[in-house]
Amino acid sequence: MIRVIIDRYIAETLEKNYESAAIEVLSASVRAPGFISGESLCDIENPRHRIVLCKWRSRLDWDNWCQTQERKELMGKLSLMLEKEESVTLLDSPH
């Protein structure tokens, strides 16, 4: 199992639009093979900073999801609402 941390900064005044788009992406990922769980968190100090935490069965499952046309289309819409490109960190347990 791997964990994925996605770091996003929403452009000013686009928070509501972002929420709708982010829910679409997360809802689609739930149906992807290998998806285990996910949650979206809001930075207490900066409400335009969002962190998405998710668990995937494997790196291959995550990579396959990232390459789907569905995710690319959904992220095309969502990325327009971000100040900068999202940052993705993949984590695995050393044991």
PDB file of N, CA and C in Angstrom:
ATOM      1  N   MET A   1       0.850  -1.184   0.000  1.00  0.00           N
ATOM      2  CA  MET A   1       0.000   0.000   0.000  1.00  0.00           C
ATOM      3  C   MET A   1       0.892   1.241   0.000  1.00  0.00           C
ATOM      4  N   ILE A   2       0.469   2.251  -0.755  1.00  0.00           N
ATOM      5  CA  ILE A   2       1.177   3.538  -0.741  1.00  0.00           C
ATOM      6  C   ILE A   2       0.212   4.628  -0.297  1.00  0.00           C
ATOM      7  N   ARG A   3       0.795   5.717   0.130  1.00  0.00           N
ATOM      8  CA  ARG A   3       0.022   6.913   0.449  1.00  0.00           C
ATOM      9  C   ARG A   3       0.454   8.015  -0.510  1.00  0.00           C
ATOM     10  N   VAL A   4      -0.506   8.830  -0.888  1.00  0.00           N
ATOM     11  CA  VAL A   4      -0.249   9.933  -1.810  1.00  0.00           C
ATOM     12  C   VAL A   4      -0.680  11.230  -1.130  1.00  0.00           C
ATOM     13  N   ILE A   5       0.216  12.204  -1.145  1.00  0.00           N
ATOM     14  CA  ILE A   5      -0.093  13.533  -0.620  1.00  0.00           C
ATOM     15  C   ILE A   5      -0.099  14.494  -1.802  1.00  0.00           C
ATOM     16  N   ILE A   6      -1.232  15.154  -1.992  1.00  0.00           N
ATOM     17  CA  ILE A   6      -1.356  16.131  -3.075  1.00  0.00           C
ATOM     18  C   ILE A   6      -1.540  17.502  -2.431  1.00  0.00           C
ATOM     19  N   ASP A   7      -0.647  18.399  -2.768  1.00  0.00           N
ATOM     20  CA  ASP A   7      -0.608  19.737  -2.187  1.00  0.00           C
ATOM     21  C   ASP A   7      -1.098  20.728  -3.236  1.00  0.00           C
ATOM     22  N   ARG A   8      -2.135  21.503  -2.899  1.00  0.00           N
ATOM     23  CA  ARG A   8      -2.704  22.459  -3.859  1.00  0.00           C
ATOM     24  C   ARG A   8      -2.923  23.823  -3.211  1.00  0.00           C
ATOM     25  N   TYR A   9      -2.720  24.864  -4.011  1.00  0.00           N
ATOM     26  CA  TYR A   9      -3.001  26.234  -3.589  1.00  0.00           C
ATOM     27  C   TYR A   9      -4.035  26.812  -4.550  1.00  0.00           C
ATOM     28  N   ILE A  10      -5.188  27.152  -4.014  1.00  0.00           N
ATOM     29  CA  ILE A  10      -6.304  27.645  -4.823  1.00  0.00           C
ATOM     30  C   ILE A  10      -6.115  29.136  -5.101  1.00  0.00           C
ATOM     31  N   ALA A  11      -6.378  29.520  -6.329  1.00  0.00           N
ATOM     32  CA  ALA A  11      -6.322  30.934  -6.700  1.00  0.00           C
ATOM     33  C   ALA A  11      -7.403  31.704  -5.935  1.00  0.00           C
ATOM     34  N   GLU A  12      -7.090  32.932  -5.615  1.00  0.00           N
ATOM     35  CA  GLU A  12      -7.999  33.777  -4.848  1.00  0.00           C
ATOM     36  C   GLU A  12      -9.364  33.877  -5.528  1.00  0.00           C
ATOM     37  N   THR A  13     -10.414  33.796  -4.744  1.00  0.00           N
ATOM     38  CA  THR A  13     -11.841  33.884  -5.115  1.00  0.00           C
ATOM     39  C   THR A  13     -12.387  32.632  -5.803  1.00  0.00           C
ATOM     40  N   LEU A  14     -11.576  31.595  -5.972  1.00  0.00           N
ATOM     41  CA  LEU A  14     -12.048  30.404  -6.673  1.00  0.00           C
ATOM     42  C   LEU A  14     -12.305  29.216  -5.749  1.00  0.00           C
ATOM     43  N   GLU A  15     -12.358  29.470  -4.452  1.00  0.00           N
ATOM     44  CA  GLU A  15     -12.523  28.383  -3.486  1.00  0.00           C
ATOM     45  C   GLU A  15     -13.777  27.548  -3.737  1.00  0.00           C
ATOM     46  N   LYS A  16     -14.914  28.190  -3.986  1.00  0.00           N
ATOM     47  CA  LYS A  16     -16.163  27.445  -4.182  1.00  0.00           C
ATOM     48  C   LYS A  16     -16.118  26.612  -5.454  1.00  0.00           C
ATOM     49  N   ASN A  17     -15.596  27.188  -6.521  1.00  0.00           N
ATOM     50  CA  ASN A  17     -15.459  26.443  -7.770  1.00  0.00           C
ATOM     51  C   ASN A  17     -14.507  25.266  -7.586  1.00  0.00           C
ATOM     52  N   TYR A  18     -13.433  25.508  -6.842  1.00  0.00           N
ATOM     53  CA  TYR A  18     -12.466  24.449  -6.582  1.00  0.00           C
ATOM     54  C   TYR A  18     -13.129  23.281  -5.856  1.00  0.00           C
ATOM     55  N   GLU A  19     -13.925  23.573  -4.844  1.00  0.00           N
ATOM     56  CA  GLU A  19     -14.557  22.511  -4.049  1.00  0.00           C
ATOM     57  C   GLU A  19     -15.360  21.573  -4.934  1.00  0.00           C
ATOM     58  N   SER A  20     -16.133  22.121  -5.838  1.00  0.00           N
ATOM     59  CA  SER A  20     -16.939  21.291  -6.743  1.00  0.00           C
ATOM     60  C   SER A  20     -16.052  20.429  -7.628  1.00  0.00           C
ATOM     61  N   ALA A  21     -15.019  21.017  -8.187  1.00  0.00           N
ATOM     62  CA  ALA A  21     -14.114  20.283  -9.070  1.00  0.00           C
ATOM     63  C   ALA A  21     -13.338  19.216  -8.296  1.00  0.00           C
ATOM     64  N   ALA A  22     -12.906  19.531  -7.085  1.00  0.00           N
ATOM     65  CA  ALA A  22     -12.148  18.577  -6.274  1.00  0.00           C
ATOM     66  C   ALA A  22     -13.010  17.381  -5.882  1.00  0.00           C
ATOM     67  N   ILE A  23     -14.273  17.618  -5.597  1.00  0.00           N
ATOM     68  CA  ILE A  23     -15.191  16.522  -5.272  1.00  0.00           C
ATOM     69  C   ILE A  23     -15.354  15.604  -6.475  1.00  0.00           C
ATOM     70  N   GLU A  24     -15.421  16.179  -7.673  1.00  0.00           N
ATOM     71  CA  GLU A  24     -15.518  15.369  -8.891  1.00  0.00           C
ATOM     72  C   GLU A  24     -14.300  14.461  -9.053  1.00  0.00           C
ATOM     73  N   VAL A  25     -13.114  15.024  -8.826  1.00  0.00           N
ATOM     74  CA  VAL A  25     -11.882  14.240  -8.968  1.00  0.00           C
ATOM     75  C   VAL A  25     -11.844  13.122  -7.929  1.00  0.00           C
ATOM     76  N   LEU A  26     -12.154  13.448  -6.689  1.00  0.00           N
ATOM     77  CA  LEU A  26     -12.124  12.434  -5.632  1.00  0.00           C
ATOM     78  C   LEU A  26     -13.184  11.363  -5.878  1.00  0.00           C
ATOM     79  N   SER A  27     -14.364  11.760  -6.307  1.00  0.00           N
ATOM     80  CA  SER A  27     -15.425  10.785  -6.601  1.00  0.00           C
ATOM     81  C   SER A  27     -15.013   9.831  -7.715  1.00  0.00           C
ATOM     82  N   ALA A  28     -14.352  10.357  -8.724  1.00  0.00           N
ATOM     83  CA  ALA A  28     -13.891   9.510  -9.823  1.00  0.00           C
ATOM     84  C   ALA A  28     -12.785   8.568  -9.352  1.00  0.00           C
ATOM     85  N   SER A  29     -11.907   9.054  -8.502  1.00  0.00           N
ATOM     86  CA  SER A  29     -10.798   8.210  -8.038  1.00  0.00           C
ATOM     87  C   SER A  29     -11.295   7.043  -7.195  1.00  0.00           C
ATOM     88  N   VAL A  30     -12.401   7.234  -6.486  1.00  0.00           N
ATOM     89  CA  VAL A  30     -12.974   6.163  -5.662  1.00  0.00           C
ATOM     90  C   VAL A  30     -13.311   4.940  -6.518  1.00  0.00           C
ATOM     91  N   ARG A  31     -13.679   5.158  -7.756  1.00  0.00           N
ATOM     92  CA  ARG A  31     -14.047   4.067  -8.662  1.00  0.00           C
ATOM     93  C   ARG A  31     -12.834   3.417  -9.339  1.00  0.00           C
ATOM     94  N   ALA A  32     -11.664   4.014  -9.176  1.00  0.00           N
ATOM     95  CA  ALA A  32     -10.463   3.506  -9.853  1.00  0.00           C
ATOM     96  C   ALA A  32      -9.941   2.241  -9.164  1.00  0.00           C
ATOM     97  N   PRO A  33      -9.481   1.279  -9.952  1.00  0.00           N
ATOM     98  CA  PRO A  33      -8.897   0.067  -9.369  1.00  0.00           C
ATOM     99  C   PRO A  33      -7.712   0.408  -8.457  1.00  0.00           C
ATOM    100  N   GLY A  34      -7.713  -0.152  -7.266  1.00  0.00           N
ATOM    101  CA  GLY A  34      -6.612   0.051  -6.330  1.00  0.00           C
ATOM    102  C   GLY A  34      -6.805   1.178  -5.340  1.00  0.00           C
ATOM    103  N   PHE A  35      -7.836   2.015  -5.542  1.00  0.00           N
ATOM    104  CA  PHE A  35      -8.090   3.105  -4.594  1.00  0.00           C
ATOM    105  C   PHE A  35      -8.583   2.507  -3.281  1.00  0.00           C
ATOM    106  N   ILE A  36      -8.023   2.959  -2.155  1.00  0.00           N
ATOM    107  CA  ILE A  36      -8.432   2.462  -0.842  1.00  0.00           C
ATOM    108  C   ILE A  36      -9.229   3.523  -0.086  1.00  0.00           C
ATOM    109  N   SER A  37      -8.662   4.726   0.036  1.00  0.00           N
ATOM    110  CA  SER A  37      -9.370   5.788   0.758  1.00  0.00           C
ATOM    111  C   SER A  37      -8.773   7.142   0.393  1.00  0.00           C
ATOM    112  N   GLY A  38      -9.511   8.196   0.716  1.00  0.00           N
ATOM    113  CA  GLY A  38      -9.023   9.535   0.439  1.00  0.00           C
ATOM    114  C   GLY A  38      -9.765  10.572   1.262  1.00  0.00           C
ATOM    115  N   GLU A  39      -9.085  11.664   1.514  1.00  0.00           N
ATOM    116  CA  GLU A  39      -9.708  12.780   2.220  1.00  0.00           C
ATOM    117  C   GLU A  39      -9.042  14.076   1.792  1.00  0.00           C
ATOM    118  N   SER A  40      -9.802  15.149   1.889  1.00  0.00           N
ATOM    119  CA  SER A  40      -9.310  16.468   1.537  1.00  0.00           C
ATOM    120  C   SER A  40      -9.292  17.323   2.793  1.00  0.00           C
ATOM    121  N   LEU A  41      -8.165  17.981   3.042  1.00  0.00           N
ATOM    122  CA  LEU A  41      -7.999  18.783   4.253  1.00  0.00           C
ATOM    123  C   LEU A  41      -7.671  20.225   3.892  1.00  0.00           C
ATOM    124  N   CYS A  42      -8.097  21.129   4.759  1.00  0.00           N
ATOM    125  CA  CYS A  42      -7.872  22.554   4.569  1.00  0.00           C
ATOM    126  C   CYS A  42      -6.885  23.053   5.623  1.00  0.00           C
ATOM    127  N   ASP A  43      -5.861  23.745   5.196  1.00  0.00           N
ATOM    128  CA  ASP A  43      -4.856  24.322   6.088  1.00  0.00           C
ATOM    129  C   ASP A  43      -5.528  25.367   6.989  1.00  0.00           C
ATOM    130  N   ILE A  44      -5.388  25.218   8.286  1.00  0.00           N
ATOM    131  CA  ILE A  44      -6.013  26.146   9.243  1.00  0.00           C
ATOM    132  C   ILE A  44      -5.446  27.555   9.088  1.00  0.00           C
ATOM    133  N   GLU A  45      -4.175  27.666   8.785  1.00  0.00           N
ATOM    134  CA  GLU A  45      -3.524  28.971   8.665  1.00  0.00           C
ATOM    135  C   GLU A  45      -3.750  29.628   7.302  1.00  0.00           C
ATOM    136  N   ASN A  46      -4.025  28.830   6.276  1.00  0.00           N
ATOM    137  CA  ASN A  46      -4.220  29.360   4.926  1.00  0.00           C
ATOM    138  C   ASN A  46      -5.355  28.575   4.263  1.00  0.00           C
ATOM    139  N   PRO A  47      -6.583  29.075   4.305  1.00  0.00           N
ATOM    140  CA  PRO A  47      -7.728  28.333   3.775  1.00  0.00           C
ATOM    141  C   PRO A  47      -7.690  28.074   2.272  1.00  0.00           C
ATOM    142  N   ARG A  48      -6.771  28.691   1.554  1.00  0.00           N
ATOM    143  CA  ARG A  48      -6.635  28.406   0.121  1.00  0.00           C
ATOM    144  C   ARG A  48      -5.617  27.296  -0.141  1.00  0.00           C
ATOM    145  N   HIS A  49      -5.008  26.790   0.919  1.00  0.00           N
ATOM    146  CA  HIS A  49      -4.051  25.678   0.805  1.00  0.00           C
ATOM    147  C   HIS A  49      -4.786  24.392   1.163  1.00  0.00           C
ATOM    148  N   ARG A  50      -4.824  23.453   0.224  1.00  0.00           N
ATOM    149  CA  ARG A  50      -5.520  22.184   0.447  1.00  0.00           C
ATOM    150  C   ARG A  50      -4.542  21.034   0.301  1.00  0.00           C
ATOM    151  N   ILE A  51      -4.777  20.018   1.100  1.00  0.00           N
ATOM    152  CA  ILE A  51      -3.986  18.804   1.031  1.00  0.00           C
ATOM    153  C   ILE A  51      -4.939  17.632   0.865  1.00  0.00           C
ATOM    154  N   VAL A  52      -4.674  16.824  -0.126  1.00  0.00           N
ATOM    155  CA  VAL A  52      -5.455  15.609  -0.353  1.00  0.00           C
ATOM    156  C   VAL A  52      -4.571  14.433   0.059  1.00  0.00           C
ATOM    157  N   LEU A  53      -5.102  13.595   0.946  1.00  0.00           N
ATOM    158  CA  LEU A  53      -4.399  12.395   1.384  1.00  0.00           C
ATOM    159  C   LEU A  53      -5.160  11.189   0.866  1.00  0.00           C
ATOM    160  N   CYS A  54      -4.479  10.297   0.204  1.00  0.00           N
ATOM    161  CA  CYS A  54      -5.165   9.088  -0.247  1.00  0.00           C
ATOM    162  C   CYS A  54      -4.256   7.875  -0.127  1.00  0.00           C
ATOM    163  N   LYS A  55      -4.911   6.735  -0.067  1.00  0.00           N
ATOM    164  CA  LYS A  55      -4.214   5.455  -0.004  1.00  0.00           C
ATOM    165  C   LYS A  55      -4.566   4.667  -1.258  1.00  0.00           C
ATOM    166  N   TRP A  56      -3.539   4.037  -1.821  1.00  0.00           N
ATOM    167  CA  TRP A  56      -3.687   3.201  -3.008  1.00  0.00           C
ATOM    168  C   TRP A  56      -3.049   1.852  -2.740  1.00  0.00           C
ATOM    169  N   ARG A  57      -3.568   0.839  -3.361  1.00  0.00           N
ATOM    170  CA  ARG A  57      -3.056  -0.517  -3.184  1.00  0.00           C
ATOM    171  C   ARG A  57      -1.586  -0.606  -3.605  1.00  0.00           C
ATOM    172  N   SER A  58      -1.220   0.118  -4.691  1.00  0.00           N
ATOM    173  CA  SER A  58       0.153   0.048  -5.190  1.00  0.00           C
ATOM    174  C   SER A  58       0.490   1.301  -5.996  1.00  0.00           C
ATOM    175  N   ARG A  59       1.761   1.458  -6.248  1.00  0.00           N
ATOM    176  CA  ARG A  59       2.222   2.562  -7.101  1.00  0.00           C
ATOM    177  C   ARG A  59       1.674   2.384  -8.514  1.00  0.00           C
ATOM    178  N   LEU A  60       1.616   1.164  -8.974  1.00  0.00           N
ATOM    179  CA  LEU A  60       1.083   0.890 -10.311  1.00  0.00           C
ATOM    180  C   LEU A  60      -0.370   1.351 -10.428  1.00  0.00           C
ATOM    181  N   ASP A  61      -1.180   1.082  -9.394  1.00  0.00           N
ATOM    182  CA  ASP A  61      -2.577   1.537  -9.406  1.00  0.00           C
ATOM    183  C   ASP A  61      -2.646   3.065  -9.477  1.00  0.00           C
ATOM    184  N   TRP A  62      -1.823   3.746  -8.679  1.00  0.00           N
ATOM    185  CA  TRP A  62      -1.787   5.214  -8.708  1.00  0.00           C
ATOM    186  C   TRP A  62      -1.364   5.705 -10.093  1.00  0.00           C
ATOM    187  N   ASP A  63      -0.286   5.144 -10.628  1.00  0.00           N
ATOM    188  CA  ASP A  63       0.201   5.561 -11.943  1.00  0.00           C
ATOM    189  C   ASP A  63      -0.857   5.331 -13.025  1.00  0.00           C
ATOM    190  N   ASN A  64      -1.541   4.202 -12.951  1.00  0.00           N
ATOM    191  CA  ASN A  64      -2.604   3.918 -13.929  1.00  0.00           C
ATOM    192  C   ASN A  64      -3.718   4.958 -13.838  1.00  0.00           C
ATOM    193  N   TRP A  65      -4.115   5.313 -12.620  1.00  0.00           N
ATOM    194  CA  TRP A  65      -5.151   6.329 -12.433  1.00  0.00           C
ATOM    195  C   TRP A  65      -4.703   7.673 -13.002  1.00  0.00           C
ATOM    196  N   CYS A  66      -3.466   8.028 -12.754  1.00  0.00           N
ATOM    197  CA  CYS A  66      -2.951   9.315 -13.247  1.00  0.00           C
ATOM    198  C   CYS A  66      -2.957   9.402 -14.768  1.00  0.00           C
ATOM    199  N   GLN A  67      -2.848   8.261 -15.426  1.00  0.00           N
ATOM    200  CA  GLN A  67      -2.783   8.242 -16.889  1.00  0.00           C
ATOM    201  C   GLN A  67      -4.151   8.132 -17.560  1.00  0.00           C
ATOM    202  N   THR A  68      -5.214   7.971 -16.787  1.00  0.00           N
ATOM    203  CA  THR A  68      -6.533   7.834 -17.399  1.00  0.00           C
ATOM    204  C   THR A  68      -6.989   9.150 -18.027  1.00  0.00           C
ATOM    205  N   GLN A  69      -7.744   9.018 -19.080  1.00  0.00           N
ATOM    206  CA  GLN A  69      -8.306  10.200 -19.738  1.00  0.00           C
ATOM    207  C   GLN A  69      -9.246  10.936 -18.789  1.00  0.00           C
ATOM    208  N   GLU A  70      -9.985  10.188 -17.973  1.00  0.00           N
ATOM    209  CA  GLU A  70     -10.921  10.802 -17.025  1.00  0.00           C
ATOM    210  C   GLU A  70     -10.197  11.743 -16.071  1.00  0.00           C
ATOM    211  N   ARG A  71      -9.095  11.274 -15.459  1.00  0.00           N
ATOM    212  CA  ARG A  71      -8.367  12.133 -14.529  1.00  0.00           C
ATOM    213  C   ARG A  71      -7.759  13.328 -15.252  1.00  0.00           C
ATOM    214  N   LYS A  72      -7.214  13.104 -16.420  1.00  0.00           N
ATOM    215  CA  LYS A  72      -6.615  14.203 -17.174  1.00  0.00           C
ATOM    216  C   LYS A  72      -7.647  15.288 -17.477  1.00  0.00           C
ATOM    217  N   GLU A  73      -8.851  14.882 -17.862  1.00  0.00           N
ATOM    218  CA  GLU A  73      -9.905  15.864 -18.149  1.00  0.00           C
ATOM    219  C   GLU A  73     -10.345  16.601 -16.888  1.00  0.00           C
ATOM    220  N   LEU A  74     -10.544  15.853 -15.807  1.00  0.00           N
ATOM    221  CA  LEU A  74     -10.961  16.486 -14.554  1.00  0.00           C
ATOM    222  C   LEU A  74      -9.882  17.425 -14.024  1.00  0.00           C
ATOM    223  N   MET A  75      -8.631  17.004 -14.105  1.00  0.00           N
ATOM    224  CA  MET A  75      -7.538  17.851 -13.632  1.00  0.00           C
ATOM    225  C   MET A  75      -7.330  19.060 -14.536  1.00  0.00           C
ATOM    226  N   GLY A  76      -7.686  18.930 -15.802  1.00  0.00           N
ATOM    227  CA  GLY A  76      -7.610  20.079 -16.705  1.00  0.00           C
ATOM    228  C   GLY A  76      -8.496  21.213 -16.220  1.00  0.00           C
ATOM    229  N   LYS A  77      -9.688  20.865 -15.745  1.00  0.00           N
ATOM    230  CA  LYS A  77     -10.611  21.874 -15.197  1.00  0.00           C
ATOM    231  C   LYS A  77     -10.108  22.395 -13.859  1.00  0.00           C
ATOM    232  N   LEU A  78      -9.703  21.476 -12.982  1.00  0.00           N
ATOM    233  CA  LEU A  78      -9.292  21.863 -11.634  1.00  0.00           C
ATOM    234  C   LEU A  78      -8.022  22.711 -11.654  1.00  0.00           C
ATOM    235  N   SER A  79      -7.078  22.366 -12.496  1.00  0.00           N
ATOM    236  CA  SER A  79      -5.799  23.078 -12.506  1.00  0.00           C
ATOM    237  C   SER A  79      -5.945  24.554 -12.876  1.00  0.00           C
ATOM    238  N   LEU A  80      -7.014  24.898 -13.584  1.00  0.00           N
ATOM    239  CA  LEU A  80      -7.261  26.302 -13.921  1.00  0.00           C
ATOM    240  C   LEU A  80      -7.557  27.142 -12.686  1.00  0.00           C
ATOM    241  N   MET A  81      -7.929  26.487 -11.607  1.00  0.00           N
ATOM    242  CA  MET A  81      -8.283  27.182 -10.371  1.00  0.00           C
ATOM    243  C   MET A  81      -7.130  27.261  -9.373  1.00  0.00           C
ATOM    244  N   LEU A  82      -5.978  26.751  -9.758  1.00  0.00           N
ATOM    245  CA  LEU A  82      -4.836  26.721  -8.847  1.00  0.00           C
ATOM    246  C   LEU A  82      -3.853  27.840  -9.153  1.00  0.00           C
ATOM    247  N   GLU A  83      -3.209  28.333  -8.090  1.00  0.00           N
ATOM    248  CA  GLU A  83      -2.173  29.355  -8.257  1.00  0.00           C
ATOM    249  C   GLU A  83      -0.940  28.791  -8.944  1.00  0.00           C
ATOM    250  N   LYS A  84      -0.656  27.521  -8.670  1.00  0.00           N
ATOM    251  CA  LYS A  84       0.491  26.859  -9.273  1.00  0.00           C
ATOM    252  C   LYS A  84       0.164  25.376  -9.408  1.00  0.00           C
ATOM    253  N   GLU A  85       0.971  24.666 -10.142  1.00  0.00           N
ATOM    254  CA  GLU A  85       0.747  23.245 -10.367  1.00  0.00           C
ATOM    255  C   GLU A  85       0.762  22.485  -9.039  1.00  0.00           C
ATOM    256  N   GLU A  86      -0.113  21.502  -8.916  1.00  0.00           N
ATOM    257  CA  GLU A  86      -0.153  20.720  -7.694  1.00  0.00           C
ATOM    258  C   GLU A  86       1.153  19.958  -7.513  1.00  0.00           C
ATOM    259  N   SER A  87       1.466  19.690  -6.257  1.00  0.00           N
ATOM    260  CA  SER A  87       2.647  18.918  -5.905  1.00  0.00           C
ATOM    261  C   SER A  87       2.170  17.558  -5.402  1.00  0.00           C
ATOM    262  N   VAL A  88       2.775  16.485  -5.889  1.00  0.00           N
ATOM    263  CA  VAL A  88       2.377  15.139  -5.504  1.00  0.00           C
ATOM    264  C   VAL A  88       3.573  14.433  -4.875  1.00  0.00           C
ATOM    265  N   THR A  89       3.345  13.857  -3.689  1.00  0.00           N
ATOM    266  CA  THR A  89       4.370  13.083  -2.999  1.00  0.00           C
ATOM    267  C   THR A  89       3.824  11.676  -2.773  1.00  0.00           C
ATOM    268  N   LEU A  90       4.612  10.669  -3.160  1.00  0.00           N
ATOM    269  CA  LEU A  90       4.239   9.274  -2.944  1.00  0.00           C
ATOM    270  C   LEU A  90       5.051   8.741  -1.769  1.00  0.00           C
ATOM    271  N   LEU A  91       4.358   8.064  -0.863  1.00  0.00           N
ATOM    272  CA  LEU A  91       5.007   7.536   0.339  1.00  0.00           C
ATOM    273  C   LEU A  91       4.755   6.043   0.459  1.00  0.00           C
ATOM    274  N   ASP A  92       5.761   5.348   0.923  1.00  0.00           N
ATOM    275  CA  ASP A  92       5.653   3.910   1.164  1.00  0.00           C
ATOM    276  C   ASP A  92       6.288   3.617   2.509  1.00  0.00           C
ATOM    277  N   SER A  93       5.824   2.589   3.150  1.00  0.00           N
ATOM    278  CA  SER A  93       6.400   2.171   4.424  1.00  0.00           C
ATOM    279  C   SER A  93       7.729   1.467   4.159  1.00  0.00           C
ATOM    280  N   PRO A  94       8.751   1.740   4.968  1.00  0.00           N
ATOM    281  CA  PRO A  94      10.028   1.077   4.752  1.00  0.00           C
ATOM    282  C   PRO A  94      10.000  -0.408   5.131  1.00  0.00           C
ATOM    283  N   HIS A  95       8.938  -0.890   5.714  1.00  0.00           N
ATOM    284  CA  HIS A  95       8.865  -2.295   6.147  1.00  0.00           C
ATOM    285  C   HIS A  95       7.823  -3.047   5.357  1.00  0.00           C
TER     286      HIS A  95
END
